[in-house]
Protein backbone atom coordinates (compact mmCIF):
# COMPACT_ATOMS: atom_id res chain seq x y z
CA UNK A 1 -8.12 12.29 -10.47
CA UNK A 2 -5.98 11.58 -7.36
CA UNK A 3 -3.35 9.58 -7.09
CA UNK A 4 -3.37 6.44 -5.30
CA UNK A 5 -0.80 7.92 -2.55
CA UNK A 6 -2.93 10.81 -1.96
CA UNK A 7 -6.37 8.92 -1.80
CA UNK A 8 -4.81 6.42 0.88
CA UNK A 9 -3.58 9.12 2.88
CA UNK A 10 -6.94 11.17 2.54
CA UNK A 11 -8.84 7.85 3.74
CA UNK A 12 -6.17 7.36 6.68
CA UNK A 13 -7.78 10.61 8.48
CA UNK A 14 -11.25 8.98 8.21
CA UNK A 15 -10.07 5.39 9.86
CA UNK A 16 -7.22 4.01 11.69
CA UNK A 17 -5.89 1.33 9.06
CA UNK A 18 -6.09 1.25 5.11
CA UNK A 19 -5.45 -1.39 2.74
CA UNK A 20 -2.18 -1.41 0.89
CA UNK A 21 -2.63 -1.62 -2.99
CA UNK A 22 -0.99 -3.55 -5.45
CA UNK A 23 1.62 -1.41 -7.33
CA UNK A 24 1.08 -3.75 -10.40
CA UNK A 25 -2.84 -3.91 -10.98
CA UNK A 26 -3.66 -1.27 -8.28
CA UNK A 27 -6.29 -3.45 -6.65
CA UNK A 28 -6.31 -4.21 -2.62
CA UNK A 29 -4.15 -6.87 -1.25
CA UNK A 30 -4.45 -8.74 2.05
CA UNK A 31 -2.22 -6.20 4.14
CA UNK A 32 -3.46 -3.28 6.32
CA UNK A 33 -1.33 -0.53 7.03
CA UNK A 34 -1.41 2.69 9.67
CA UNK A 35 0.04 5.82 9.48
CA UNK A 36 3.19 4.55 11.84
CA UNK A 37 3.44 1.11 9.62
CA UNK A 38 7.27 0.86 8.22
CA UNK A 39 7.82 -1.75 5.57
CA UNK A 40 11.64 -2.29 4.47
CA UNK A 41 12.44 -4.63 1.52
CA UNK A 42 8.63 -6.16 2.07
CA UNK A 43 7.73 -8.88 -0.54
CA UNK A 44 4.12 -7.85 -1.39
CA UNK A 45 2.22 -10.67 -2.69
CA UNK A 46 -0.94 -9.98 -4.69
CA UNK A 47 -3.86 -12.33 -4.95
CA UNK A 48 -5.47 -10.67 -7.86
CA UNK A 49 -2.79 -10.42 -10.51
CA UNK A 50 -0.55 -13.10 -8.92
CA UNK A 51 2.60 -10.90 -8.71
CA UNK A 52 5.18 -10.13 -6.15
CA UNK A 53 6.76 -6.68 -5.85
CA UNK A 54 9.45 -5.55 -3.18
CA UNK A 55 8.08 -2.80 -1.83
CA UNK A 56 9.23 -0.25 1.01
CA UNK A 57 6.39 1.89 2.87
CA UNK A 58 7.41 4.81 5.21
CA UNK A 59 4.42 7.22 6.44
CA UNK A 60 1.71 5.81 3.86
CA UNK A 61 4.08 6.46 1.04
CA UNK A 62 5.14 3.19 -0.94
CA UNK A 63 7.90 2.71 -3.43
CA UNK A 64 8.82 -0.06 -5.56
CA UNK A 65 12.10 -1.48 -5.50
């Protein structure tokens, strides 16, 4: 099984933008990113699990603070 990061980068080759996934429940959020998107100290809110996580995204690689 591929990790979410690899899967997200693979999907980007097929389209311009991908949905950002929640680091807690792994479901889609309402945020779309492209390969040139940079998010630093971004408060990502997930409408599914009602959790907020501080994240960084650089070159489609997401890290949780």
